[in-house]
């Protein structure tokens, strides 16, 4: 299995990883500020509903839609 060669710090070089919703808000705001018009989020855990609810309540309201 190739994943045995990947360390946590290797992942953080390519993927934004945090349990802090405020940190995710800040990262997304940085992308929006430089002109991204579409950002796709992906949660790799098994609690998809919790992820969607948390981001829907605490992260996404920061951004205007339209």
PDB file of N, CA and C in Angstrom:
ATOM      1  N   UNK A   1       0.841  -1.170   0.000  1.00  0.00           N
ATOM      2  CA  UNK A   1       0.000   0.000   0.000  1.00  0.00           C
ATOM      3  C   UNK A   1       0.894   1.245   0.000  1.00  0.00           C
ATOM      4  N   UNK A   2       0.695   2.108  -0.977  1.00  0.00           N
ATOM      5  CA  UNK A   2       1.527   3.301  -1.139  1.00  0.00           C
ATOM      6  C   UNK A   2       1.394   4.278   0.018  1.00  0.00           C
ATOM      7  N   UNK A   3       0.246   4.292   0.683  1.00  0.00           N
ATOM      8  CA  UNK A   3       0.025   5.255   1.758  1.00  0.00           C
ATOM      9  C   UNK A   3       0.976   5.067   2.940  1.00  0.00           C
ATOM     10  N   UNK A   4       1.586   3.934   3.047  1.00  0.00           N
ATOM     11  CA  UNK A   4       2.500   3.726   4.176  1.00  0.00           C
ATOM     12  C   UNK A   4       3.748   4.613   4.076  1.00  0.00           C
ATOM     13  N   UNK A   5       3.991   5.180   2.895  1.00  0.00           N
ATOM     14  CA  UNK A   5       5.157   6.039   2.692  1.00  0.00           C
ATOM     15  C   UNK A   5       4.840   7.522   2.894  1.00  0.00           C
ATOM     16  N   UNK A   6       3.594   7.840   3.179  1.00  0.00           N
ATOM     17  CA  UNK A   6       3.188   9.237   3.312  1.00  0.00           C
ATOM     18  C   UNK A   6       3.047   9.596   4.782  1.00  0.00           C
ATOM     19  N   UNK A   7       3.769  10.639   5.171  1.00  0.00           N
ATOM     20  CA  UNK A   7       3.716  11.126   6.543  1.00  0.00           C
ATOM     21  C   UNK A   7       2.670  12.236   6.654  1.00  0.00           C
ATOM     22  N   UNK A   8       2.129  12.490   7.837  1.00  0.00           N
ATOM     23  CA  UNK A   8       1.147  13.581   7.995  1.00  0.00           C
ATOM     24  C   UNK A   8       1.666  14.921   7.481  1.00  0.00           C
ATOM     25  N   UNK A   9       2.916  15.212   7.717  1.00  0.00           N
ATOM     26  CA  UNK A   9       3.474  16.492   7.249  1.00  0.00           C
ATOM     27  C   UNK A   9       3.537  16.561   5.724  1.00  0.00           C
ATOM     28  N   UNK A  10       3.633  15.414   5.060  1.00  0.00           N
ATOM     29  CA  UNK A  10       3.605  15.396   3.596  1.00  0.00           C
ATOM     30  C   UNK A  10       2.225  15.833   3.090  1.00  0.00           C
ATOM     31  N   UNK A  11       1.197  15.374   3.741  1.00  0.00           N
ATOM     32  CA  UNK A  11      -0.162  15.742   3.351  1.00  0.00           C
ATOM     33  C   UNK A  11      -0.392  17.238   3.503  1.00  0.00           C
ATOM     34  N   UNK A  12       0.114  17.800   4.561  1.00  0.00           N
ATOM     35  CA  UNK A  12      -0.117  19.221   4.836  1.00  0.00           C
ATOM     36  C   UNK A  12       0.587  20.129   3.837  1.00  0.00           C
ATOM     37  N   UNK A  13       1.496  19.593   3.035  1.00  0.00           N
ATOM     38  CA  UNK A  13       2.126  20.381   1.982  1.00  0.00           C
ATOM     39  C   UNK A  13       1.183  20.586   0.802  1.00  0.00           C
ATOM     40  N   UNK A  14       0.195  19.708   0.639  1.00  0.00           N
ATOM     41  CA  UNK A  14      -0.690  19.752  -0.526  1.00  0.00           C
ATOM     42  C   UNK A  14      -2.156  19.933  -0.195  1.00  0.00           C
ATOM     43  N   UNK A  15      -2.540  19.642   1.032  1.00  0.00           N
ATOM     44  CA  UNK A  15      -3.941  19.641   1.419  1.00  0.00           C
ATOM     45  C   UNK A  15      -4.116  20.482   2.681  1.00  0.00           C
ATOM     46  N   UNK A  16      -5.155  21.296   2.706  1.00  0.00           N
ATOM     47  CA  UNK A  16      -5.443  22.082   3.904  1.00  0.00           C
ATOM     48  C   UNK A  16      -6.157  21.182   4.897  1.00  0.00           C
ATOM     49  N   UNK A  17      -5.532  20.976   6.051  1.00  0.00           N
ATOM     50  CA  UNK A  17      -6.061  20.055   7.054  1.00  0.00           C
ATOM     51  C   UNK A  17      -6.197  20.796   8.383  1.00  0.00           C
ATOM     52  N   UNK A  18      -7.414  20.794   8.924  1.00  0.00           N
ATOM     53  CA  UNK A  18      -7.633  21.404  10.227  1.00  0.00           C
ATOM     54  C   UNK A  18      -9.012  21.007  10.748  1.00  0.00           C
ATOM     55  N   UNK A  19      -9.127  20.886  12.052  1.00  0.00           N
ATOM     56  CA  UNK A  19     -10.423  20.680  12.685  1.00  0.00           C
ATOM     57  C   UNK A  19     -11.021  22.020  13.116  1.00  0.00           C
ATOM     58  N   UNK A  20     -10.280  23.106  12.915  1.00  0.00           N
ATOM     59  CA  UNK A  20     -10.686  24.445  13.326  1.00  0.00           C
ATOM     60  C   UNK A  20     -11.505  25.108  12.214  1.00  0.00           C
ATOM     61  N   UNK A  21     -12.810  25.274  12.440  1.00  0.00           N
ATOM     62  CA  UNK A  21     -13.669  25.866  11.420  1.00  0.00           C
ATOM     63  C   UNK A  21     -13.276  27.305  11.107  1.00  0.00           C
ATOM     64  N   UNK A  22     -12.767  28.020  12.093  1.00  0.00           N
ATOM     65  CA  UNK A  22     -12.293  29.384  11.859  1.00  0.00           C
ATOM     66  C   UNK A  22     -11.129  29.409  10.892  1.00  0.00           C
ATOM     67  N   UNK A  23     -10.271  28.425  11.002  1.00  0.00           N
ATOM     68  CA  UNK A  23      -9.130  28.333  10.085  1.00  0.00           C
ATOM     69  C   UNK A  23      -9.615  28.068   8.664  1.00  0.00           C
ATOM     70  N   UNK A  24     -10.609  27.202   8.524  1.00  0.00           N
ATOM     71  CA  UNK A  24     -11.165  26.946   7.199  1.00  0.00           C
ATOM     72  C   UNK A  24     -11.806  28.208   6.628  1.00  0.00           C
ATOM     73  N   UNK A  25     -12.531  28.960   7.471  1.00  0.00           N
ATOM     74  CA  UNK A  25     -13.118  30.227   7.029  1.00  0.00           C
ATOM     75  C   UNK A  25     -12.038  31.155   6.500  1.00  0.00           C
ATOM     76  N   UNK A  26     -10.933  31.246   7.217  1.00  0.00           N
ATOM     77  CA  UNK A  26      -9.836  32.126   6.813  1.00  0.00           C
ATOM     78  C   UNK A  26      -9.212  31.655   5.495  1.00  0.00           C
ATOM     79  N   UNK A  27      -8.980  30.357   5.365  1.00  0.00           N
ATOM     80  CA  UNK A  27      -8.416  29.842   4.112  1.00  0.00           C
ATOM     81  C   UNK A  27      -9.335  30.157   2.936  1.00  0.00           C
ATOM     82  N   UNK A  28     -10.633  29.901   3.112  1.00  0.00           N
ATOM     83  CA  UNK A  28     -11.576  30.156   2.026  1.00  0.00           C
ATOM     84  C   UNK A  28     -11.652  31.643   1.704  1.00  0.00           C
ATOM     85  N   UNK A  29     -11.596  32.491   2.718  1.00  0.00           N
ATOM     86  CA  UNK A  29     -11.609  33.938   2.501  1.00  0.00           C
ATOM     87  C   UNK A  29     -10.379  34.377   1.713  1.00  0.00           C
ATOM     88  N   UNK A  30      -9.234  33.776   1.982  1.00  0.00           N
ATOM     89  CA  UNK A  30      -8.014  34.093   1.228  1.00  0.00           C
ATOM     90  C   UNK A  30      -8.201  33.756  -0.245  1.00  0.00           C
ATOM     91  N   UNK A  31      -8.774  32.600  -0.524  1.00  0.00           N
ATOM     92  CA  UNK A  31      -9.008  32.199  -1.914  1.00  0.00           C
ATOM     93  C   UNK A  31     -10.016  33.123  -2.584  1.00  0.00           C
ATOM     94  N   UNK A  32     -11.073  33.469  -1.888  1.00  0.00           N
ATOM     95  CA  UNK A  32     -12.076  34.371  -2.446  1.00  0.00           C
ATOM     96  C   UNK A  32     -11.457  35.738  -2.733  1.00  0.00           C
ATOM     97  N   UNK A  33     -10.595  36.206  -1.853  1.00  0.00           N
ATOM     98  CA  UNK A  33      -9.971  37.518  -2.011  1.00  0.00           C
ATOM     99  C   UNK A  33      -9.060  37.590  -3.236  1.00  0.00           C
ATOM    100  N   UNK A  34      -8.483  36.464  -3.622  1.00  0.00           N
ATOM    101  CA  UNK A  34      -7.606  36.500  -4.801  1.00  0.00           C
ATOM    102  C   UNK A  34      -8.354  36.156  -6.089  1.00  0.00           C
ATOM    103  N   UNK A  35      -9.678  36.000  -5.975  1.00  0.00           N
ATOM    104  CA  UNK A  35     -10.482  35.875  -7.175  1.00  0.00           C
ATOM    105  C   UNK A  35     -11.088  34.531  -7.502  1.00  0.00           C
ATOM    106  N   UNK A  36     -10.909  33.550  -6.641  1.00  0.00           N
ATOM    107  CA  UNK A  36     -11.557  32.260  -6.908  1.00  0.00           C
ATOM    108  C   UNK A  36     -13.068  32.473  -6.918  1.00  0.00           C
ATOM    109  N   UNK A  37     -13.737  31.961  -7.924  1.00  0.00           N
ATOM    110  CA  UNK A  37     -15.191  32.073  -7.984  1.00  0.00           C
ATOM    111  C   UNK A  37     -15.868  30.752  -7.645  1.00  0.00           C
ATOM    112  N   UNK A  38     -15.087  29.702  -7.571  1.00  0.00           N
ATOM    113  CA  UNK A  38     -15.628  28.391  -7.202  1.00  0.00           C
ATOM    114  C   UNK A  38     -14.583  27.646  -6.386  1.00  0.00           C
ATOM    115  N   UNK A  39     -15.002  27.109  -5.275  1.00  0.00           N
ATOM    116  CA  UNK A  39     -14.120  26.327  -4.409  1.00  0.00           C
ATOM    117  C   UNK A  39     -14.866  25.055  -4.039  1.00  0.00           C
ATOM    118  N   UNK A  40     -14.250  23.929  -4.252  1.00  0.00           N
ATOM    119  CA  UNK A  40     -14.884  22.657  -3.919  1.00  0.00           C
ATOM    120  C   UNK A  40     -14.264  22.108  -2.645  1.00  0.00           C
ATOM    121  N   UNK A  41     -15.120  21.725  -1.714  1.00  0.00           N
ATOM    122  CA  UNK A  41     -14.676  21.189  -0.430  1.00  0.00           C
ATOM    123  C   UNK A  41     -14.856  19.678  -0.421  1.00  0.00           C
ATOM    124  N   UNK A  42     -13.965  19.005   0.283  1.00  0.00           N
ATOM    125  CA  UNK A  42     -14.044  17.556   0.370  1.00  0.00           C
ATOM    126  C   UNK A  42     -13.690  17.124   1.785  1.00  0.00           C
ATOM    127  N   UNK A  43     -14.529  16.312   2.349  1.00  0.00           N
ATOM    128  CA  UNK A  43     -14.285  15.767   3.686  1.00  0.00           C
ATOM    129  C   UNK A  43     -13.979  14.282   3.533  1.00  0.00           C
ATOM    130  N   UNK A  44     -12.832  13.845   4.021  1.00  0.00           N
ATOM    131  CA  UNK A  44     -12.426  12.451   3.828  1.00  0.00           C
ATOM    132  C   UNK A  44     -12.913  11.522   4.933  1.00  0.00           C
ATOM    133  N   UNK A  45     -13.516  12.070   5.968  1.00  0.00           N
ATOM    134  CA  UNK A  45     -13.992  11.247   7.076  1.00  0.00           C
ATOM    135  C   UNK A  45     -15.313  10.571   6.761  1.00  0.00           C
ATOM    136  N   UNK A  46     -15.832   9.857   7.740  1.00  0.00           N
ATOM    137  CA  UNK A  46     -17.077   9.127   7.551  1.00  0.00           C
ATOM    138  C   UNK A  46     -18.296   9.906   8.027  1.00  0.00           C
ATOM    139  N   UNK A  47     -18.089  11.026   8.671  1.00  0.00           N
ATOM    140  CA  UNK A  47     -19.212  11.812   9.210  1.00  0.00           C
ATOM    141  C   UNK A  47     -19.580  12.942   8.246  1.00  0.00           C
ATOM    142  N   UNK A  48     -20.060  12.573   7.081  1.00  0.00           N
ATOM    143  CA  UNK A  48     -20.392  13.568   6.066  1.00  0.00           C
ATOM    144  C   UNK A  48     -21.468  14.547   6.552  1.00  0.00           C
ATOM    145  N   UNK A  49     -22.487  14.038   7.199  1.00  0.00           N
ATOM    146  CA  UNK A  49     -23.570  14.909   7.665  1.00  0.00           C
ATOM    147  C   UNK A  49     -23.030  15.953   8.647  1.00  0.00           C
ATOM    148  N   UNK A  50     -22.199  15.540   9.580  1.00  0.00           N
ATOM    149  CA  UNK A  50     -21.627  16.480  10.559  1.00  0.00           C
ATOM    150  C   UNK A  50     -20.778  17.537   9.854  1.00  0.00           C
ATOM    151  N   UNK A  51     -20.017  17.120   8.852  1.00  0.00           N
ATOM    152  CA  UNK A  51     -19.193  18.054   8.074  1.00  0.00           C
ATOM    153  C   UNK A  51     -20.086  19.086   7.376  1.00  0.00           C
ATOM    154  N   UNK A  52     -21.106  18.627   6.682  1.00  0.00           N
ATOM    155  CA  UNK A  52     -22.000  19.522   5.949  1.00  0.00           C
ATOM    156  C   UNK A  52     -22.712  20.474   6.903  1.00  0.00           C
ATOM    157  N   UNK A  53     -23.186  19.960   8.014  1.00  0.00           N
ATOM    158  CA  UNK A  53     -23.882  20.806   8.976  1.00  0.00           C
ATOM    159  C   UNK A  53     -22.948  21.847   9.598  1.00  0.00           C
ATOM    160  N   UNK A  54     -21.743  21.431   9.968  1.00  0.00           N
ATOM    161  CA  UNK A  54     -20.784  22.356  10.584  1.00  0.00           C
ATOM    162  C   UNK A  54     -20.377  23.456   9.604  1.00  0.00           C
ATOM    163  N   UNK A  55     -20.061  23.074   8.381  1.00  0.00           N
ATOM    164  CA  UNK A  55     -19.660  24.079   7.394  1.00  0.00           C
ATOM    165  C   UNK A  55     -20.843  24.966   7.019  1.00  0.00           C
ATOM    166  N   UNK A  56     -22.023  24.369   6.913  1.00  0.00           N
ATOM    167  CA  UNK A  56     -23.212  25.150   6.593  1.00  0.00           C
ATOM    168  C   UNK A  56     -23.545  26.176   7.653  1.00  0.00           C
ATOM    169  N   UNK A  57     -23.308  25.845   8.892  1.00  0.00           N
ATOM    170  CA  UNK A  57     -23.630  26.754   9.996  1.00  0.00           C
ATOM    171  C   UNK A  57     -22.515  27.745  10.319  1.00  0.00           C
ATOM    172  N   UNK A  58     -21.255  27.286  10.279  1.00  0.00           N
ATOM    173  CA  UNK A  58     -20.158  28.100  10.790  1.00  0.00           C
ATOM    174  C   UNK A  58     -19.184  28.653   9.764  1.00  0.00           C
ATOM    175  N   UNK A  59     -19.184  28.114   8.566  1.00  0.00           N
ATOM    176  CA  UNK A  59     -18.207  28.566   7.574  1.00  0.00           C
ATOM    177  C   UNK A  59     -18.878  29.292   6.412  1.00  0.00           C
ATOM    178  N   UNK A  60     -19.823  28.672   5.768  1.00  0.00           N
ATOM    179  CA  UNK A  60     -20.396  29.208   4.546  1.00  0.00           C
ATOM    180  C   UNK A  60     -21.178  30.513   4.719  1.00  0.00           C
ATOM    181  N   UNK A  61     -21.837  30.754   5.850  1.00  0.00           N
ATOM    182  CA  UNK A  61     -22.562  32.032   5.986  1.00  0.00           C
ATOM    183  C   UNK A  61     -21.667  33.271   5.851  1.00  0.00           C
ATOM    184  N   UNK A  62     -20.379  33.088   6.005  1.00  0.00           N
ATOM    185  CA  UNK A  62     -19.435  34.195   5.853  1.00  0.00           C
ATOM    186  C   UNK A  62     -19.393  34.710   4.424  1.00  0.00           C
ATOM    187  N   UNK A  63     -19.740  33.878   3.484  1.00  0.00           N
ATOM    188  CA  UNK A  63     -19.583  34.191   2.074  1.00  0.00           C
ATOM    189  C   UNK A  63     -20.930  34.477   1.418  1.00  0.00           C
ATOM    190  N   UNK A  64     -20.976  35.530   0.628  1.00  0.00           N
ATOM    191  CA  UNK A  64     -22.227  35.840  -0.074  1.00  0.00           C
ATOM    192  C   UNK A  64     -22.377  34.901  -1.259  1.00  0.00           C
ATOM    193  N   UNK A  65     -23.591  34.589  -1.586  1.00  0.00           N
ATOM    194  CA  UNK A  65     -23.878  33.707  -2.712  1.00  0.00           C
ATOM    195  C   UNK A  65     -24.546  34.538  -3.782  1.00  0.00           C
ATOM    196  N   UNK A  66     -24.133  34.321  -4.997  1.00  0.00           N
ATOM    197  CA  UNK A  66     -24.809  35.061  -6.040  1.00  0.00           C
ATOM    198  C   UNK A  66     -23.914  35.318  -7.140  1.00  0.00           C
TER     199      UNK A  66
END
